[in-house]
Amino acid sequence: MCWCPKTSEHACGWPPKTVRALLAVITVLLVLSGQIALVIYLCEAEKYSEAISVCGMMAAQLSAVIGWYFGSSRDVASAPSDVESPLEEERDAQRSRKRK
């Protein structure tokens, strides 16, 4: 038996992008908790260079997850617009001059 409503367009009837946000938060929390425990263990064993390496890995993994989350969520504000940039206008003007 599924507790999710069958008529919903979104996962389990939740608001849009909720599953994506939950996956990002859960991933960050799991990775951080495991690596913080590893850093504490390494510091207690006086292996400071390894602990610093783990901190670098934490930063890289967090930036990848955060980049994926914000890079994959598109809003109306970031949608392409019909307004041309000045560079596109200049390029179009140069092309029209070449045709003449």
Protein backbone atom coordinates (compact mmCIF):
# COMPACT_ATOMS: atom_id res chain seq x y z
CA MET A 1 0.00 0.00 0.00
CA CYS A 2 1.22 3.43 -0.91
CA TRP A 3 0.41 6.35 1.35
CA CYS A 4 1.03 8.79 -1.49
CA PRO A 5 -2.03 10.20 -3.24
CA LYS A 6 -2.32 8.84 -6.76
CA THR A 7 -3.74 12.06 -8.22
CA SER A 8 -0.78 14.28 -7.35
CA GLU A 9 1.61 15.50 -10.02
CA HIS A 10 4.46 15.78 -7.51
CA ALA A 11 6.17 13.12 -5.42
CA CYS A 12 3.88 11.98 -2.60
CA GLY A 13 1.78 15.12 -2.95
CA TRP A 14 4.57 17.26 -1.52
CA PRO A 15 5.28 20.75 -2.85
CA PRO A 16 7.52 20.95 -5.93
CA LYS A 17 11.28 20.52 -5.38
CA THR A 18 10.80 19.10 -1.87
CA VAL A 19 12.35 15.74 -2.74
CA ARG A 20 15.38 17.42 -4.32
CA ALA A 21 15.87 19.57 -1.23
CA LEU A 22 15.51 16.60 1.12
CA LEU A 23 18.02 14.55 -0.86
CA ALA A 24 20.52 17.40 -0.78
CA VAL A 25 20.09 17.98 2.96
CA ILE A 26 20.26 14.28 3.85
CA THR A 27 23.36 13.78 1.69
CA VAL A 28 25.11 16.76 3.23
CA LEU A 29 24.26 15.65 6.78
CA LEU A 30 25.42 12.07 6.21
CA VAL A 31 28.67 13.07 4.57
CA LEU A 32 29.41 15.72 7.17
CA SER A 33 28.68 13.51 10.16
CA GLY A 34 30.86 10.70 8.86
CA GLN A 35 33.74 12.93 7.95
CA ILE A 36 33.58 14.98 11.13
CA ALA A 37 33.78 11.74 13.11
CA LEU A 38 36.79 10.75 11.00
CA VAL A 39 38.49 14.12 11.60
CA ILE A 40 37.95 13.78 15.35
CA TYR A 41 39.38 10.26 15.30
CA LEU A 42 42.41 11.38 13.27
CA CYS A 43 43.06 14.35 15.56
CA GLU A 44 42.94 12.11 18.63
CA ALA A 45 45.45 9.80 16.93
CA GLU A 46 47.62 12.88 16.21
CA LYS A 47 47.41 12.38 12.45
CA TYR A 48 46.90 16.02 11.62
CA SER A 49 47.92 15.94 7.96
CA GLU A 50 45.32 13.24 7.25
CA ALA A 51 42.69 15.25 9.15
CA ILE A 52 43.45 18.29 6.99
CA SER A 53 43.08 16.13 3.87
CA VAL A 54 39.67 14.96 5.05
CA CYS A 55 38.64 18.59 5.61
CA GLY A 56 39.59 19.33 2.01
CA MET A 57 37.51 16.40 0.82
CA MET A 58 34.57 17.66 2.89
CA ALA A 59 34.77 21.05 1.22
CA ALA A 60 34.91 19.50 -2.25
CA GLN A 61 31.99 17.17 -1.60
CA LEU A 62 29.85 19.89 -0.06
CA SER A 63 30.51 22.24 -2.96
CA ALA A 64 29.56 19.48 -5.42
CA VAL A 65 26.27 18.77 -3.65
CA ILE A 66 25.41 22.44 -3.25
CA GLY A 67 26.37 23.12 -6.87
CA TRP A 68 24.19 20.26 -8.03
CA TYR A 69 21.26 21.46 -5.97
CA PHE A 70 21.38 25.08 -7.06
CA GLY A 71 22.46 24.25 -10.60
CA SER A 72 19.60 21.86 -11.18
CA SER A 73 16.86 24.09 -9.79
CA ARG A 74 15.65 26.59 -12.37
CA ASP A 75 13.32 29.42 -11.58
CA VAL A 76 11.43 31.75 -13.82
CA ALA A 77 13.93 34.49 -13.03
CA SER A 78 16.80 32.45 -14.48
CA ALA A 79 14.91 31.38 -17.59
CA PRO A 80 16.24 32.76 -20.86
CA SER A 81 14.60 36.02 -21.83
CA ASP A 82 13.70 37.49 -25.17
CA VAL A 83 15.93 40.51 -24.58
CA GLU A 84 19.17 40.39 -26.53
CA SER A 85 22.42 41.27 -24.85
CA PRO A 86 24.54 44.12 -26.24
CA LEU A 87 27.03 41.57 -27.59
CA GLU A 88 24.31 39.78 -29.53
CA GLU A 89 23.06 43.10 -30.91
CA GLU A 90 26.59 44.00 -32.03
CA ARG A 91 27.06 40.60 -33.65
CA ASP A 92 23.78 40.96 -35.53
CA ALA A 93 24.75 44.45 -36.66
CA GLN A 94 28.10 43.18 -37.99
CA ARG A 95 26.39 40.37 -39.88
CA SER A 96 23.96 42.79 -41.50
CA ARG A 97 26.87 45.07 -42.55
CA LYS A 98 28.66 42.12 -44.16
CA ARG A 99 25.58 41.21 -46.17
CA LYS A 100 25.36 44.71 -47.72
